[in-house]
Amino acid sequence: MTRRRPVAHRHHSEMPGCSHLDQIAITALPPQIAGCEDCLATGSRWVHLRMCLTCGKIGCCDSSPNRHARKHAAADDHPLVRSAEPGEDWSYCFVDDVAFVLGGVPR
């Protein structure tokens, strides 16, 4: 079976693109997500969850007190996340500050 690379689809043709798409290694969410890995370890709370598209780490969003997804992106040089919220299929690059939808990625 051949693995197809996801393609980023932007909704506006003049929007800048993401220059880090080559770092995408994982696109599918795990079947069960307990919560933000770092918040669970420290007993903290989170608002929404994000998944690193490079390593699959689950972290909390920028609206959460600890912003673990962004901290992981900076510390590990993994700039791409996707929403880990049910029914959402958008992704985001912290470095290029651009949101996008990857084609062919399950919700």
N, C-alpha and C. Protein backbone atom coordinates (compact mmCIF):
# COMPACT_ATOMS: atom_id res chain seq x y z
N MET A 1 0.84 -1.17 0.00
CA MET A 1 0.00 0.00 0.00
C MET A 1 0.89 1.24 0.00
N THR A 2 0.59 2.19 -0.86
CA THR A 2 1.38 3.41 -0.91
C THR A 2 0.73 4.47 -0.02
N ARG A 3 1.56 5.27 0.57
CA ARG A 3 1.09 6.32 1.46
C ARG A 3 1.07 7.64 0.71
N ARG A 4 -0.09 8.26 0.65
CA ARG A 4 -0.22 9.54 -0.01
C ARG A 4 0.05 10.66 0.97
N ARG A 5 0.81 11.64 0.53
CA ARG A 5 1.09 12.79 1.38
C ARG A 5 -0.12 13.72 1.41
N PRO A 6 -0.49 14.23 2.57
CA PRO A 6 -1.60 15.18 2.65
C PRO A 6 -1.25 16.46 1.89
N VAL A 7 -2.26 17.08 1.35
CA VAL A 7 -2.09 18.33 0.62
C VAL A 7 -2.84 19.41 1.37
N ALA A 8 -2.19 20.55 1.56
CA ALA A 8 -2.84 21.66 2.25
C ALA A 8 -3.73 22.41 1.29
N HIS A 9 -4.98 22.62 1.69
CA HIS A 9 -5.93 23.38 0.90
C HIS A 9 -6.22 24.67 1.63
N ARG A 10 -5.96 25.78 0.95
CA ARG A 10 -6.27 27.08 1.53
C ARG A 10 -7.53 27.61 0.88
N HIS A 11 -8.27 28.43 1.58
CA HIS A 11 -9.53 28.94 1.08
C HIS A 11 -9.38 30.26 0.33
N HIS A 12 -8.25 30.88 0.36
CA HIS A 12 -8.04 32.16 -0.31
C HIS A 12 -6.72 32.08 -1.06
N SER A 13 -6.74 32.35 -2.35
CA SER A 13 -5.56 32.12 -3.19
C SER A 13 -4.40 33.05 -2.87
N GLU A 14 -4.64 34.16 -2.19
CA GLU A 14 -3.54 35.08 -1.89
C GLU A 14 -2.95 34.88 -0.51
N MET A 15 -3.48 33.93 0.25
CA MET A 15 -2.95 33.67 1.58
C MET A 15 -1.56 33.05 1.47
N PRO A 16 -0.64 33.43 2.36
CA PRO A 16 0.66 32.78 2.35
C PRO A 16 0.53 31.32 2.76
N GLY A 17 1.41 30.48 2.25
CA GLY A 17 1.38 29.06 2.57
C GLY A 17 2.29 28.71 3.73
N CYS A 18 2.25 27.47 4.09
CA CYS A 18 3.10 26.94 5.15
C CYS A 18 4.35 26.33 4.50
N SER A 19 5.49 26.68 5.02
CA SER A 19 6.76 26.17 4.48
C SER A 19 7.25 24.94 5.23
N HIS A 20 6.41 24.36 6.09
CA HIS A 20 6.84 23.23 6.92
C HIS A 20 6.07 21.94 6.65
N LEU A 21 5.35 21.88 5.55
CA LEU A 21 4.54 20.70 5.26
C LEU A 21 5.36 19.43 5.16
N ASP A 22 6.63 19.55 4.87
CA ASP A 22 7.50 18.36 4.78
C ASP A 22 7.73 17.72 6.14
N GLN A 23 7.32 18.38 7.22
CA GLN A 23 7.49 17.83 8.57
C GLN A 23 6.29 17.01 9.03
N ILE A 24 5.26 16.91 8.18
CA ILE A 24 4.08 16.14 8.55
C ILE A 24 4.40 14.65 8.49
N ALA A 25 4.23 13.98 9.62
CA ALA A 25 4.48 12.54 9.70
C ALA A 25 3.23 11.79 10.17
N ILE A 26 2.40 12.45 10.97
CA ILE A 26 1.22 11.82 11.56
C ILE A 26 0.04 12.75 11.33
N THR A 27 -1.05 12.22 10.76
CA THR A 27 -2.23 13.06 10.53
C THR A 27 -3.47 12.55 11.25
N ALA A 28 -3.57 11.25 11.46
CA ALA A 28 -4.77 10.68 12.09
C ALA A 28 -4.70 10.83 13.60
N LEU A 29 -5.81 11.22 14.17
CA LEU A 29 -5.90 11.31 15.63
C LEU A 29 -5.93 9.91 16.23
N PRO A 30 -5.40 9.76 17.44
CA PRO A 30 -5.51 8.46 18.11
C PRO A 30 -6.98 8.16 18.42
N PRO A 31 -7.33 6.89 18.53
CA PRO A 31 -8.73 6.54 18.79
C PRO A 31 -9.26 7.08 20.12
N GLN A 32 -8.42 7.16 21.11
CA GLN A 32 -8.80 7.69 22.43
C GLN A 32 -7.81 8.77 22.83
N ILE A 33 -8.33 9.90 23.28
CA ILE A 33 -7.49 10.99 23.77
C ILE A 33 -7.94 11.33 25.18
N ALA A 34 -7.08 11.11 26.15
CA ALA A 34 -7.42 11.37 27.56
C ALA A 34 -7.41 12.86 27.87
N GLY A 35 -6.58 13.62 27.16
CA GLY A 35 -6.45 15.06 27.40
C GLY A 35 -5.05 15.51 27.05
N CYS A 36 -4.72 16.72 27.42
CA CYS A 36 -3.37 17.25 27.21
C CYS A 36 -2.40 16.43 28.05
N GLU A 37 -1.40 15.86 27.39
CA GLU A 37 -0.46 14.98 28.08
C GLU A 37 0.24 15.68 29.25
N ASP A 38 0.66 16.94 29.03
CA ASP A 38 1.37 17.67 30.09
C ASP A 38 0.43 18.11 31.20
N CYS A 39 -0.79 18.53 30.85
CA CYS A 39 -1.77 18.91 31.88
C CYS A 39 -2.15 17.71 32.73
N LEU A 40 -2.32 16.55 32.11
CA LEU A 40 -2.64 15.35 32.88
C LEU A 40 -1.52 15.03 33.86
N ALA A 41 -0.27 15.23 33.44
CA ALA A 41 0.88 14.92 34.30
C ALA A 41 0.99 15.88 35.49
N THR A 42 0.52 17.12 35.30
CA THR A 42 0.67 18.12 36.36
C THR A 42 -0.63 18.44 37.09
N GLY A 43 -1.73 17.84 36.64
CA GLY A 43 -3.02 18.12 37.27
C GLY A 43 -3.63 19.44 36.85
N SER A 44 -3.18 19.98 35.71
CA SER A 44 -3.71 21.25 35.21
C SER A 44 -4.96 21.01 34.36
N ARG A 45 -5.59 22.10 33.96
CA ARG A 45 -6.77 21.99 33.10
C ARG A 45 -6.46 22.54 31.71
N TRP A 46 -7.32 22.19 30.75
CA TRP A 46 -7.14 22.66 29.38
C TRP A 46 -8.51 23.06 28.83
N VAL A 47 -8.48 23.81 27.70
CA VAL A 47 -9.70 24.25 27.04
C VAL A 47 -9.96 23.39 25.81
N HIS A 48 -9.03 23.38 24.86
CA HIS A 48 -9.14 22.59 23.64
C HIS A 48 -7.83 21.84 23.42
N LEU A 49 -7.87 20.79 22.62
CA LEU A 49 -6.69 19.96 22.39
C LEU A 49 -6.18 20.08 20.97
N ARG A 50 -4.87 19.97 20.82
CA ARG A 50 -4.18 19.99 19.52
C ARG A 50 -3.25 18.80 19.46
N MET A 51 -3.02 18.29 18.23
CA MET A 51 -2.08 17.18 18.05
C MET A 51 -0.93 17.63 17.15
N CYS A 52 0.29 17.37 17.57
CA CYS A 52 1.47 17.67 16.78
C CYS A 52 1.46 16.78 15.54
N LEU A 53 1.62 17.37 14.37
CA LEU A 53 1.62 16.61 13.13
C LEU A 53 2.97 15.97 12.83
N THR A 54 3.97 16.25 13.65
CA THR A 54 5.28 15.62 13.48
C THR A 54 5.41 14.37 14.35
N CYS A 55 5.00 14.46 15.62
CA CYS A 55 5.20 13.32 16.53
C CYS A 55 3.93 12.78 17.16
N GLY A 56 2.82 13.47 17.02
CA GLY A 56 1.56 13.00 17.57
C GLY A 56 1.26 13.40 19.00
N LYS A 57 2.12 14.19 19.62
CA LYS A 57 1.90 14.61 21.02
C LYS A 57 0.61 15.43 21.10
N ILE A 58 -0.18 15.16 22.13
CA ILE A 58 -1.42 15.90 22.37
C ILE A 58 -1.14 16.99 23.40
N GLY A 59 -1.42 18.24 23.02
CA GLY A 59 -1.20 19.37 23.90
C GLY A 59 -2.41 20.27 23.93
N CYS A 60 -2.41 21.22 24.84
CA CYS A 60 -3.55 22.13 24.97
C CYS A 60 -3.33 23.39 24.13
N CYS A 61 -4.45 24.04 23.82
CA CYS A 61 -4.47 25.19 22.91
C CYS A 61 -3.97 26.47 23.59
N ASP A 62 -3.90 27.54 22.80
CA ASP A 62 -3.45 28.84 23.32
C ASP A 62 -4.45 29.48 24.26
N SER A 63 -5.71 29.03 24.26
CA SER A 63 -6.70 29.54 25.21
C SER A 63 -6.59 28.86 26.57
N SER A 64 -5.83 27.78 26.63
CA SER A 64 -5.60 27.06 27.89
C SER A 64 -4.52 27.76 28.70
N PRO A 65 -4.55 27.65 30.02
CA PRO A 65 -3.58 28.36 30.85
C PRO A 65 -2.11 28.06 30.52
N ASN A 66 -1.80 26.81 30.17
CA ASN A 66 -0.39 26.44 29.97
C ASN A 66 0.09 26.42 28.53
N ARG A 67 -0.81 26.46 27.56
CA ARG A 67 -0.45 26.53 26.14
C ARG A 67 0.59 25.48 25.75
N HIS A 68 0.38 24.23 26.16
CA HIS A 68 1.38 23.18 25.95
C HIS A 68 1.64 22.85 24.49
N ALA A 69 0.66 22.97 23.60
CA ALA A 69 0.91 22.68 22.18
C ALA A 69 1.94 23.66 21.62
N ARG A 70 1.77 24.94 21.93
CA ARG A 70 2.73 25.95 21.44
C ARG A 70 4.11 25.75 22.08
N LYS A 71 4.15 25.43 23.37
CA LYS A 71 5.43 25.20 24.04
C LYS A 71 6.16 24.00 23.43
N HIS A 72 5.42 22.93 23.11
CA HIS A 72 6.02 21.77 22.46
C HIS A 72 6.56 22.15 21.08
N ALA A 73 5.80 22.93 20.33
CA ALA A 73 6.23 23.36 18.99
C ALA A 73 7.57 24.10 19.06
N ALA A 74 7.69 24.99 20.03
CA ALA A 74 8.93 25.77 20.16
C ALA A 74 10.09 24.93 20.68
N ALA A 75 9.84 24.10 21.68
CA ALA A 75 10.91 23.33 22.31
C ALA A 75 11.44 22.22 21.41
N ASP A 76 10.55 21.59 20.64
CA ASP A 76 10.96 20.44 19.83
C ASP A 76 11.07 20.75 18.34
N ASP A 77 10.87 22.02 17.97
CA ASP A 77 10.91 22.44 16.56
C ASP A 77 9.92 21.64 15.72
N HIS A 78 8.71 21.48 16.25
CA HIS A 78 7.60 20.82 15.57
C HIS A 78 6.49 21.87 15.38
N PRO A 79 6.52 22.66 14.32
CA PRO A 79 5.64 23.82 14.20
C PRO A 79 4.19 23.53 13.83
N LEU A 80 3.85 22.32 13.43
CA LEU A 80 2.52 22.03 12.90
C LEU A 80 1.64 21.26 13.88
N VAL A 81 0.39 21.73 14.03
CA VAL A 81 -0.60 21.03 14.85
C VAL A 81 -1.89 20.92 14.06
N ARG A 82 -2.72 19.98 14.47
CA ARG A 82 -4.09 19.93 13.97
C ARG A 82 -5.00 19.94 15.18
N SER A 83 -6.22 20.38 14.97
CA SER A 83 -7.19 20.34 16.05
C SER A 83 -7.46 18.88 16.40
N ALA A 84 -7.56 18.61 17.68
CA ALA A 84 -7.92 17.27 18.15
C ALA A 84 -9.35 17.27 18.70
N GLU A 85 -10.11 18.30 18.32
CA GLU A 85 -11.50 18.41 18.76
C GLU A 85 -12.41 17.66 17.79
N PRO A 86 -13.42 16.98 18.31
CA PRO A 86 -14.34 16.22 17.45
C PRO A 86 -14.96 17.09 16.36
N GLY A 87 -14.93 16.58 15.12
CA GLY A 87 -15.54 17.26 13.99
C GLY A 87 -14.72 18.37 13.36
N GLU A 88 -13.57 18.70 13.94
CA GLU A 88 -12.72 19.76 13.37
C GLU A 88 -11.61 19.13 12.55
N ASP A 89 -11.30 19.75 11.39
CA ASP A 89 -10.28 19.18 10.52
C ASP A 89 -9.19 20.18 10.13
N TRP A 90 -9.09 21.31 10.82
CA TRP A 90 -8.11 22.32 10.48
C TRP A 90 -6.76 22.05 11.13
N SER A 91 -5.73 22.60 10.51
CA SER A 91 -4.36 22.51 11.02
C SER A 91 -3.79 23.93 11.08
N TYR A 92 -2.65 24.06 11.76
CA TYR A 92 -2.07 25.39 11.95
C TYR A 92 -0.55 25.28 12.05
N CYS A 93 0.14 26.26 11.48
CA CYS A 93 1.60 26.35 11.60
C CYS A 93 1.92 27.53 12.51
N PHE A 94 2.58 27.25 13.64
CA PHE A 94 2.96 28.31 14.58
C PHE A 94 4.00 29.25 13.98
N VAL A 95 4.91 28.74 13.17
CA VAL A 95 5.99 29.57 12.61
C VAL A 95 5.47 30.49 11.52
N ASP A 96 4.72 29.94 10.57
CA ASP A 96 4.22 30.75 9.45
C ASP A 96 2.90 31.45 9.77
N ASP A 97 2.31 31.16 10.93
CA ASP A 97 1.06 31.77 11.38
C ASP A 97 -0.02 31.64 10.31
N VAL A 98 -0.23 30.39 9.88
CA VAL A 98 -1.24 30.14 8.86
C VAL A 98 -2.03 28.89 9.22
N ALA A 99 -3.35 29.00 9.08
CA ALA A 99 -4.24 27.85 9.28
C ALA A 99 -4.57 27.27 7.92
N PHE A 100 -4.80 25.96 7.88
CA PHE A 100 -5.10 25.29 6.62
C PHE A 100 -5.80 23.97 6.91
N VAL A 101 -6.34 23.38 5.86
CA VAL A 101 -6.99 22.07 5.95
C VAL A 101 -6.21 21.12 5.08
N LEU A 102 -5.84 19.98 5.65
CA LEU A 102 -5.13 18.96 4.90
C LEU A 102 -6.14 18.07 4.20
N GLY A 103 -6.01 17.93 2.90
CA GLY A 103 -6.90 17.07 2.14
C GLY A 103 -6.63 15.60 2.45
N GLY A 104 -7.68 14.80 2.47
CA GLY A 104 -7.54 13.36 2.68
C GLY A 104 -7.23 12.95 4.10
N VAL A 105 -7.46 13.84 5.07
CA VAL A 105 -7.17 13.53 6.47
C VAL A 105 -8.49 13.25 7.19
N PRO A 106 -8.59 12.10 7.87
CA PRO A 106 -9.84 11.81 8.58
C PRO A 106 -10.07 12.76 9.73
N ARG A 107 -11.34 13.02 10.01
CA ARG A 107 -11.69 13.93 11.12
C ARG A 107 -11.62 13.18 12.37
